[in-house]
Amino acid sequence: MVVLFGCFQACKEGERYGVSITETEAPDPPIVRGTRSLDGGVRFYYTVPANKDVLAVKGEYVNEAGKLLSFSASYFTDSLDVLGFASTDFYDVKIFAVNRAGRRSKENVYSVKPERSVLNMVVDAIVVKPSFGSLFVEWENELKWNVNVFVNFKFKQLGKERDLWEVFTSNEEWYRGVIYDLTDVDNNEVDVSIYVEDNYNNRTEIADFGTKAVLQDIKIPKFDETGKAIWKMPVPNDSVAGIPQFWGYFGEGRNEYIIDDITDFGDLLNFCHTNNRGRTGNPYIPDANLWNALIDMGDYYEISRIVTHQRQYHAGNYILYGGPARNDRHNVGKYAMYVLNEEVNPPEWELIREHCIPIPTGVNDLEIYRMGNAGDMAFLYPDDPQFSRPTRWFRYEARASFPTYTISGFVFPYYYTEQYCLSEITIYGRKAQ
């Protein structure tokens, strides 16, 4: 029966496309049986015309920007979604059928009203959070429409007026955009206003989000005025609060290179290299390459964020973010951040959070190289920007490599990952209050 039905349908298709293109009589219009309001659109239910050469049912309307928007559904379906409405006002939509020759049926106009405006849903969900030398712009996008969020931010910087724009594009259900480099801002005050635009050329009115007070921190110094090192690290396999210091001396690698304020660049080799023995210096032990860099900052600080730099080149090819082929596992792609809590006895490491360095998409190799030079920034508390507890010790735990952020290999009898290399760790915060 299934085979017979398939043959029957094939015959019907042959009959439909057997109609000569010279037969240009306009088809009958679809009979609309009802509508259903959607968020940002309306669904039309109809009966498809019986004409043999009907290809599609279409809907058209002109939006507020004067753009003609057109939507279509094949003759196999009995409903059509017309989308892109910028408000909950009434819209006049033309519904008609089109045949193979491009002839339109009579156009019937229907006045319809969407349930909710997607753009207004997005702009109403936007939250602007001040962070350290930056602003977080977050929103929910329940329907996952592609939206552009335009952020205007005005401030005085060292007495000079600045008036800048930043645009974030996303179709994710939740998104966070970050506006960086808001340092040396007079009174730490930034005036923010935002509007949202979609792919249909619809846009909201500009919404005023008021004045935000950005948080300020400093780069915690690694050297004093004479050039003497302030930061120190234990020797490999010495422990602090039960965690061993890592070993990163394979090849050109050195532990001390990750805190010397010099980033790996071209022929200037400046990184640690753990070679699958980073935890203690011994290979093939459990978690052999889940290693920890334990850093004594020389004084008590409250930490806000860190910046890490990757090794740039290996064997003549750049390996930032896993390299162009996304198959190089030398660099750390996922790590955890800890501070030492000395208010308990014995002291213990307090996990702040785990961070995955995002792999850049949609940018060329030169831009990726520039991003690698700038380093990856990780806030300790991105959901609620704040300082950590006062601490003298910071712990960086390498957990996985690019590009999968997972365990990537097996050497009997242990699984291992290949996050061998790191070039630099820079920490921001303030002196303990």
Protein backbone atom coordinates (compact mmCIF):
# COMPACT_ATOMS: atom_id res chain seq x y z
CA MET A 1 0.00 0.00 0.00
CA VAL A 2 2.88 2.36 0.81
CA VAL A 3 4.49 1.71 -2.58
CA LEU A 4 1.18 2.21 -4.38
CA PHE A 5 0.60 5.48 -2.50
CA GLY A 6 4.09 6.68 -3.49
CA CYS A 7 3.44 5.86 -7.11
CA PHE A 8 0.09 7.68 -6.93
CA GLN A 9 1.77 10.80 -5.49
CA ALA A 10 4.48 10.63 -8.18
CA CYS A 11 1.83 10.51 -10.85
CA LYS A 12 0.14 13.55 -9.31
CA GLU A 13 3.48 15.39 -9.35
CA GLY A 14 4.08 14.42 -12.97
CA GLU A 15 0.64 15.69 -13.82
CA ARG A 16 1.26 18.99 -12.02
CA TYR A 17 4.60 19.68 -13.68
CA GLY A 18 3.30 18.42 -17.00
CA VAL A 19 1.28 21.63 -17.26
CA SER A 20 2.80 23.85 -19.92
CA ILE A 21 4.38 27.07 -18.73
CA THR A 22 2.48 28.83 -21.48
CA GLU A 23 -0.75 28.13 -19.64
CA THR A 24 -0.68 31.36 -17.67
CA GLU A 25 -4.21 31.57 -16.38
CA ALA A 26 -4.15 33.00 -12.86
CA PRO A 27 -4.92 30.47 -10.12
CA ASP A 28 -7.79 30.76 -7.70
CA PRO A 29 -7.07 32.53 -4.40
CA PRO A 30 -6.64 30.44 -1.26
CA ILE A 31 -9.67 30.34 1.02
CA VAL A 32 -8.59 31.64 4.43
CA ARG A 33 -10.38 29.72 7.18
CA GLY A 34 -8.90 31.51 10.16
CA THR A 35 -5.90 33.20 11.75
CA ARG A 36 -3.88 32.82 14.93
CA SER A 37 -1.88 35.60 16.51
CA LEU A 38 1.77 34.76 17.29
CA ASP A 39 4.56 36.64 19.02
CA GLY A 40 5.78 38.97 16.29
CA GLY A 41 3.52 37.44 13.65
CA VAL A 42 0.26 35.82 12.54
CA ARG A 43 -0.47 32.31 11.22
CA PHE A 44 -3.00 32.01 8.39
CA TYR A 45 -4.97 28.78 7.93
CA TYR A 46 -6.41 28.21 4.46
CA THR A 47 -7.56 25.78 1.80
CA VAL A 48 -5.07 25.46 -1.07
CA PRO A 49 -6.54 26.25 -4.52
CA ALA A 50 -7.35 23.20 -6.63
CA ASN A 51 -5.53 24.49 -9.73
CA LYS A 52 -3.01 21.96 -11.04
CA ASP A 53 -0.13 24.41 -11.43
CA VAL A 54 -0.27 26.12 -8.00
CA LEU A 55 3.18 26.24 -6.43
CA ALA A 56 2.79 28.35 -3.30
CA VAL A 57 0.60 30.50 -1.13
CA LYS A 58 2.13 33.85 -0.23
CA GLY A 59 1.60 36.68 2.22
CA GLU A 60 2.92 40.23 1.87
CA TYR A 61 2.81 43.46 3.84
CA VAL A 62 4.77 46.71 4.14
CA ASN A 63 6.36 47.30 7.53
CA GLU A 64 6.97 50.57 9.38
CA ALA A 65 10.32 51.03 7.64
CA GLY A 66 8.60 50.93 4.23
CA LYS A 67 10.05 47.53 3.37
CA LEU A 68 7.90 44.97 1.53
CA LEU A 69 8.10 41.67 3.43
CA SER A 70 7.07 38.47 1.67
CA PHE A 71 6.47 34.97 3.09
CA SER A 72 5.49 31.80 1.28
CA ALA A 73 4.43 28.20 1.93
CA SER A 74 4.33 25.33 -0.56
CA TYR A 75 1.06 23.80 -1.78
CA PHE A 76 1.72 20.81 0.50
CA THR A 77 0.84 22.83 3.62
CA ASP A 78 -2.36 24.48 4.74
CA SER A 79 -0.90 27.29 6.86
CA LEU A 80 1.44 30.26 6.43
CA ASP A 81 3.35 32.23 9.08
CA VAL A 82 3.72 35.93 8.36
CA LEU A 83 6.35 37.40 10.69
CA GLY A 84 8.37 40.51 11.39
CA PHE A 85 5.72 42.72 12.98
CA ALA A 86 7.36 45.43 15.05
CA SER A 87 4.37 46.23 17.28
CA THR A 88 0.99 44.91 18.38
CA ASP A 89 -0.90 47.24 16.04
CA PHE A 90 -3.16 46.00 13.23
CA TYR A 91 -1.46 45.20 9.90
CA ASP A 92 -2.98 44.70 6.44
CA VAL A 93 -1.63 41.49 4.90
CA LYS A 94 -2.23 40.36 1.30
CA ILE A 95 -2.79 36.62 0.86
CA PHE A 96 -2.66 35.07 -2.61
CA ALA A 97 -1.55 32.00 -4.60
CA VAL A 98 1.20 31.79 -7.24
CA ASN A 99 1.48 29.28 -10.10
CA ARG A 100 4.50 27.93 -11.98
CA ALA A 101 4.38 30.74 -14.47
CA GLY A 102 4.54 33.33 -11.69
CA ARG A 103 0.93 34.41 -12.08
CA ARG A 104 -0.77 35.66 -8.95
CA SER A 105 -4.29 34.93 -7.89
CA LYS A 106 -6.60 37.66 -6.67
CA GLU A 107 -5.07 39.29 -3.59
CA ASN A 108 -7.30 39.30 -0.54
CA VAL A 109 -6.38 41.69 2.28
CA TYR A 110 -6.75 40.69 5.93
CA SER A 111 -6.34 42.97 8.92
CA VAL A 112 -4.43 41.08 11.62
CA LYS A 113 -2.78 41.82 14.96
CA PRO A 114 0.24 39.98 16.44
CA GLU A 115 0.22 38.73 20.03
CA ARG A 116 3.41 40.43 21.23
CA SER A 117 6.23 42.44 19.69
CA VAL A 118 9.47 40.44 19.67
CA LEU A 119 11.60 43.58 19.64
CA ASN A 120 9.78 45.01 22.63
CA MET A 121 10.13 41.65 24.39
CA VAL A 122 13.89 41.87 23.90
CA VAL A 123 14.32 45.52 24.86
CA ASP A 124 12.16 45.01 27.96
CA ALA A 125 14.44 42.12 28.98
CA ILE A 126 17.70 44.04 28.64
CA VAL A 127 19.72 44.51 31.83
CA VAL A 128 22.81 46.72 31.98
CA LYS A 129 25.26 45.79 34.75
CA PRO A 130 28.32 47.83 35.66
CA SER A 131 31.45 45.72 35.98
CA PHE A 132 35.18 46.31 36.33
CA GLY A 133 36.19 48.88 33.73
CA SER A 134 33.30 47.58 31.64
CA LEU A 135 29.56 47.20 31.20
CA PHE A 136 27.58 43.98 30.78
CA VAL A 137 24.58 44.17 28.44
CA GLU A 138 22.38 41.09 28.96
CA TRP A 139 19.03 40.08 27.51
CA GLU A 140 16.65 37.19 26.96
CA ASN A 141 15.40 36.34 23.48
CA GLU A 142 12.66 33.79 24.05
CA LEU A 143 11.86 33.23 20.37
CA LYS A 144 15.52 33.22 19.30
CA TRP A 145 15.02 35.81 16.59
CA ASN A 146 18.19 37.34 15.17
CA VAL A 147 18.42 40.79 16.78
CA ASN A 148 20.94 43.62 16.79
CA VAL A 149 21.26 45.52 20.06
CA PHE A 150 22.74 49.00 19.59
CA VAL A 151 24.26 50.49 22.74
CA ASN A 152 25.11 54.17 22.98
CA PHE A 153 27.36 55.04 25.93
CA LYS A 154 28.53 58.51 26.83
CA PHE A 155 31.12 59.47 29.45
CA LYS A 156 33.96 61.81 30.27
CA GLN A 157 37.44 60.33 30.17
CA LEU A 158 40.21 62.46 31.63
CA GLY A 159 38.01 65.51 31.02
CA LYS A 160 37.24 64.66 27.37
CA GLU A 161 33.67 63.95 26.23
CA ARG A 162 33.21 60.51 24.63
CA ASP A 163 30.11 59.43 22.67
CA LEU A 164 30.42 55.83 21.42
CA TRP A 165 28.31 53.00 20.00
CA GLU A 166 28.62 49.24 20.33
CA VAL A 167 26.42 46.68 18.55
CA PHE A 168 25.81 43.08 19.64
CA THR A 169 24.15 40.51 17.35
CA SER A 170 22.65 37.26 18.59
CA ASN A 171 19.83 34.77 18.10
CA GLU A 172 20.59 32.95 21.33
CA GLU A 173 17.95 32.55 24.02
CA TRP A 174 20.22 34.41 26.47
CA TYR A 175 23.17 36.63 25.64
CA ARG A 176 25.72 38.78 27.41
CA GLY A 177 27.68 41.44 25.57
CA VAL A 178 30.61 43.21 27.23
CA ILE A 179 31.78 46.77 26.59
CA TYR A 180 35.43 46.91 27.63
CA ASP A 181 38.06 49.59 28.27
CA LEU A 182 35.96 51.91 30.42
CA THR A 183 38.97 52.97 32.47
CA ASP A 184 39.89 56.44 33.74
CA VAL A 185 36.23 57.44 33.48
CA ASP A 186 35.45 60.67 35.32
CA ASN A 187 33.37 59.89 38.42
CA ASN A 188 33.09 56.32 37.02
CA GLU A 189 29.79 57.42 35.39
CA VAL A 190 28.54 56.20 32.00
CA ASP A 191 25.20 57.23 30.43
CA VAL A 192 23.59 54.35 28.53
CA SER A 193 20.78 54.24 25.95
CA ILE A 194 19.78 51.30 23.71
CA TYR A 195 17.62 50.39 20.75
CA VAL A 196 16.98 46.99 19.13
CA GLU A 197 16.74 46.14 15.43
CA ASP A 198 15.80 42.91 13.61
CA ASN A 199 16.43 41.47 10.14
CA TYR A 200 13.18 42.97 8.87
CA ASN A 201 14.48 46.55 9.33
CA ASN A 202 12.23 47.05 12.34
CA ARG A 203 13.66 48.96 15.27
CA THR A 204 12.48 50.13 18.65
CA GLU A 205 12.59 53.61 20.05
CA ILE A 206 15.78 54.50 21.92
CA ALA A 207 15.39 53.48 25.56
CA ASP A 208 17.24 55.37 28.28
CA PHE A 209 18.98 53.07 30.77
CA GLY A 210 20.28 55.89 32.92
CA THR A 211 23.72 56.47 34.40
CA LYS A 212 25.79 53.46 35.42
CA ALA A 213 28.72 53.60 37.83
CA VAL A 214 31.42 51.27 36.50
CA LEU A 215 33.61 49.47 39.01
CA GLN A 216 37.33 50.15 39.08
CA ASP A 217 40.27 47.90 39.87
CA ILE A 218 44.01 47.87 39.19
CA LYS A 219 46.47 45.48 37.66
CA ILE A 220 48.10 43.81 40.65
CA PRO A 221 51.84 44.56 40.29
CA LYS A 222 54.25 41.71 39.64
CA PHE A 223 57.39 43.83 40.17
CA ASP A 224 58.28 46.76 42.43
CA GLU A 225 59.77 50.09 41.34
CA THR A 226 63.28 48.63 41.22
CA GLY A 227 62.22 45.71 39.01
CA LYS A 228 62.38 43.17 41.81
CA ALA A 229 59.78 40.41 41.54
CA ILE A 230 56.88 40.62 43.98
CA TRP A 231 55.02 37.51 42.85
CA LYS A 232 56.45 34.15 43.81
CA MET A 233 55.55 30.50 43.22
CA PRO A 234 56.49 27.31 45.08
CA VAL A 235 58.87 24.89 43.41
CA PRO A 236 57.21 22.02 41.48
CA ASN A 237 55.47 19.41 43.64
CA ASP A 238 55.58 21.58 46.78
CA SER A 239 52.02 21.90 48.08
CA VAL A 240 49.88 24.73 49.43
CA ALA A 241 46.71 23.65 51.27
CA GLY A 242 47.06 20.14 49.84
CA ILE A 243 47.54 21.14 46.16
CA PRO A 244 50.92 20.55 44.46
CA GLN A 245 52.62 23.25 42.40
CA PHE A 246 52.84 22.32 38.71
CA TRP A 247 55.82 21.37 36.57
CA GLY A 248 56.14 23.24 33.25
CA TYR A 249 59.79 22.89 32.30
CA PHE A 250 59.54 20.73 29.18
CA GLY A 251 61.56 22.02 26.21
CA GLU A 252 61.60 25.81 26.19
CA GLY A 253 58.93 25.96 28.90
CA ARG A 254 59.52 27.50 32.32
CA ASN A 255 57.13 27.93 35.27
CA GLU A 256 58.31 31.47 35.97
CA TYR A 257 57.48 32.60 32.43
CA ILE A 258 53.77 32.74 33.24
CA ILE A 259 54.25 35.58 35.78
CA ASP A 260 57.03 37.64 34.16
CA ASP A 261 54.77 40.17 32.36
CA ILE A 262 56.06 38.93 28.97
CA THR A 263 53.72 37.20 26.53
CA ASP A 264 54.73 34.67 23.93
CA PHE A 265 55.30 36.45 20.61
CA GLY A 266 56.84 35.14 17.41
CA ASP A 267 60.40 34.00 18.06
CA LEU A 268 60.22 35.29 21.65
CA LEU A 269 59.37 31.97 23.32
CA ASN A 270 57.80 32.66 26.67
CA PHE A 271 55.49 29.99 28.07
CA CYS A 272 55.31 26.96 30.33
CA HIS A 273 55.11 23.47 28.83
CA THR A 274 53.87 20.57 30.95
CA ASN A 275 54.10 17.70 28.42
CA ASN A 276 51.50 15.51 30.16
CA ARG A 277 53.26 15.58 33.51
CA GLY A 278 52.26 19.03 34.71
CA ARG A 279 50.58 18.12 37.99
CA THR A 280 53.72 16.96 39.80
CA GLY A 281 56.37 16.40 37.15
CA ASN A 282 55.64 12.67 37.03
CA PRO A 283 54.06 11.22 33.86
CA TYR A 284 51.17 8.72 33.70
CA ILE A 285 49.87 9.35 37.22
CA PRO A 286 46.14 10.01 37.70
CA ASP A 287 45.28 13.51 36.45
CA ALA A 288 48.87 13.91 35.24
CA ASN A 289 48.07 16.99 33.19
CA LEU A 290 45.36 18.58 35.35
CA TRP A 291 47.88 21.00 36.75
CA ASN A 292 47.78 23.95 39.15
CA ALA A 293 49.73 27.21 39.11
CA LEU A 294 49.89 28.50 42.69
CA ILE A 295 50.74 32.22 42.85
CA ASP A 296 51.76 34.22 45.92
CA MET A 297 50.93 37.87 45.08
CA GLY A 298 53.12 39.18 47.91
CA ASP A 299 50.28 40.89 49.79
CA TYR A 300 46.56 40.52 50.43
CA TYR A 301 44.26 41.57 47.60
CA GLU A 302 40.62 41.31 46.63
CA ILE A 303 40.55 39.90 43.11
CA SER A 304 38.14 40.99 40.37
CA ARG A 305 39.28 39.40 37.08
CA ILE A 306 42.22 37.78 35.32
CA VAL A 307 43.67 37.92 31.82
CA THR A 308 45.43 34.90 30.34
CA HIS A 309 47.61 34.70 27.23
CA GLN A 310 48.13 31.54 25.22
CA ARG A 311 51.21 30.23 23.51
CA GLN A 312 51.07 31.56 19.95
CA TYR A 313 53.14 29.25 17.75
CA HIS A 314 54.21 25.63 17.53
CA ALA A 315 56.17 24.05 14.68
CA GLY A 316 55.76 27.21 12.61
CA ASN A 317 51.95 27.34 12.90
CA TYR A 318 49.91 29.51 15.21
CA ILE A 319 47.94 27.48 17.75
CA LEU A 320 45.71 30.15 19.32
CA TYR A 321 42.28 28.68 20.17
CA GLY A 322 43.33 25.35 18.64
CA GLY A 323 44.73 26.82 15.42
CA PRO A 324 43.01 27.28 12.05
CA ALA A 325 42.16 23.56 11.81
CA ARG A 326 40.86 23.53 15.41
CA ASN A 327 42.83 20.36 16.09
CA ASP A 328 45.79 21.63 18.13
CA ARG A 329 45.48 20.82 21.83
CA HIS A 330 48.56 22.57 23.20
CA ASN A 331 46.84 25.50 24.91
CA VAL A 332 44.50 25.60 27.90
CA GLY A 333 40.89 26.09 26.81
CA LYS A 334 39.17 25.47 30.13
CA TYR A 335 40.43 26.30 33.61
CA ALA A 336 39.21 26.96 37.15
CA MET A 337 40.00 29.86 39.49
CA TYR A 338 40.49 29.58 43.26
CA VAL A 339 41.51 31.84 46.14
CA LEU A 340 42.97 30.62 49.42
CA ASN A 341 40.66 31.00 52.40
CA GLU A 342 42.88 31.47 55.47
CA GLU A 343 39.96 32.20 57.79
CA VAL A 344 39.54 28.47 58.36
CA ASN A 345 41.98 26.08 59.99
CA PRO A 346 43.60 24.51 58.09
CA PRO A 347 43.39 26.96 55.13
CA GLU A 348 41.54 25.65 52.10
CA TRP A 349 41.14 26.57 48.47
CA GLU A 350 37.82 28.21 47.63
CA LEU A 351 36.58 27.54 44.10
CA ILE A 352 35.37 30.71 42.37
CA ARG A 353 34.26 29.24 39.05
CA GLU A 354 35.29 27.39 35.91
CA HIS A 355 35.94 29.36 32.73
CA CYS A 356 35.92 28.23 29.08
CA ILE A 357 37.78 30.50 26.66
CA PRO A 358 35.41 30.96 23.69
CA ILE A 359 36.73 30.07 20.25
CA PRO A 360 36.28 33.08 17.93
CA THR A 361 33.91 32.55 15.00
CA GLY A 362 33.22 34.61 11.92
CA VAL A 363 36.56 36.45 12.02
CA ASN A 364 39.70 36.12 9.91
CA ASP A 365 43.09 34.83 11.02
CA LEU A 366 44.49 38.34 11.51
CA GLU A 367 41.68 39.24 13.89
CA ILE A 368 42.17 35.97 15.81
CA TYR A 369 45.87 36.83 16.10
CA ARG A 370 45.00 40.27 17.47
CA MET A 371 42.59 38.72 19.96
CA GLY A 372 45.30 36.32 21.07
CA ASN A 373 47.69 39.22 21.62
CA ALA A 374 45.08 41.04 23.71
CA GLY A 375 44.50 37.95 25.86
CA ASP A 376 41.32 36.40 27.23
CA MET A 377 39.62 38.14 30.13
CA ALA A 378 37.67 36.22 32.76
CA PHE A 379 35.66 37.92 35.50
CA LEU A 380 35.56 36.05 38.79
CA TYR A 381 31.87 36.83 39.29
CA PRO A 382 30.34 37.68 35.89
CA ASP A 383 26.74 37.26 37.04
CA ASP A 384 27.20 39.62 39.98
CA PRO A 385 30.40 41.65 39.48
CA GLN A 386 32.27 41.97 42.78
CA PHE A 387 35.63 41.41 44.45
CA SER A 388 36.72 38.14 45.99
CA ARG A 389 37.49 37.63 49.65
CA PRO A 390 40.89 39.03 50.73
CA THR A 391 43.59 36.57 49.71
CA ARG A 392 47.32 36.39 49.17
CA TRP A 393 47.21 33.23 47.06
CA PHE A 394 45.61 32.64 43.68
CA ARG A 395 45.26 29.20 42.13
CA TYR A 396 44.87 28.56 38.38
CA GLU A 397 43.85 24.98 37.56
CA ALA A 398 44.20 23.85 33.92
CA ARG A 399 41.35 21.45 33.16
CA ALA A 400 41.09 20.89 29.39
CA SER A 401 42.41 21.99 26.03
CA PHE A 402 40.92 23.34 22.83
CA PRO A 403 38.81 22.65 20.85
CA THR A 404 36.46 20.26 22.70
CA TYR A 405 37.23 21.26 26.32
CA THR A 406 37.14 17.56 27.23
CA ILE A 407 39.53 14.69 28.00
CA SER A 408 41.22 14.02 24.68
CA GLY A 409 43.50 10.99 24.96
CA PHE A 410 44.42 7.73 26.66
CA VAL A 411 47.81 6.38 27.65
CA PHE A 412 47.49 3.14 29.63
CA PRO A 413 46.22 3.13 32.26
CA TYR A 414 45.10 6.77 32.48
CA TYR A 415 43.07 9.23 30.47
CA TYR A 416 44.74 12.58 29.98
CA THR A 417 44.25 15.95 28.32
CA GLU A 418 46.83 17.89 26.36
CA GLN A 419 46.67 21.43 27.75
CA TYR A 420 50.43 21.76 27.85
CA CYS A 421 51.07 25.46 27.44
CA LEU A 422 50.28 28.84 28.97
CA SER A 423 52.12 32.10 28.35
CA GLU A 424 50.96 34.56 31.02
CA ILE A 425 48.56 35.16 33.92
CA THR A 426 47.66 38.73 34.88
CA ILE A 427 45.45 39.44 37.88
CA TYR A 428 43.33 42.53 38.64
CA GLY A 429 41.84 43.64 41.93
CA ARG A 430 42.48 46.01 44.80
CA LYS A 431 44.40 46.01 48.07
CA ALA A 432 42.44 44.16 50.76
CA GLN A 433 40.04 46.58 52.45
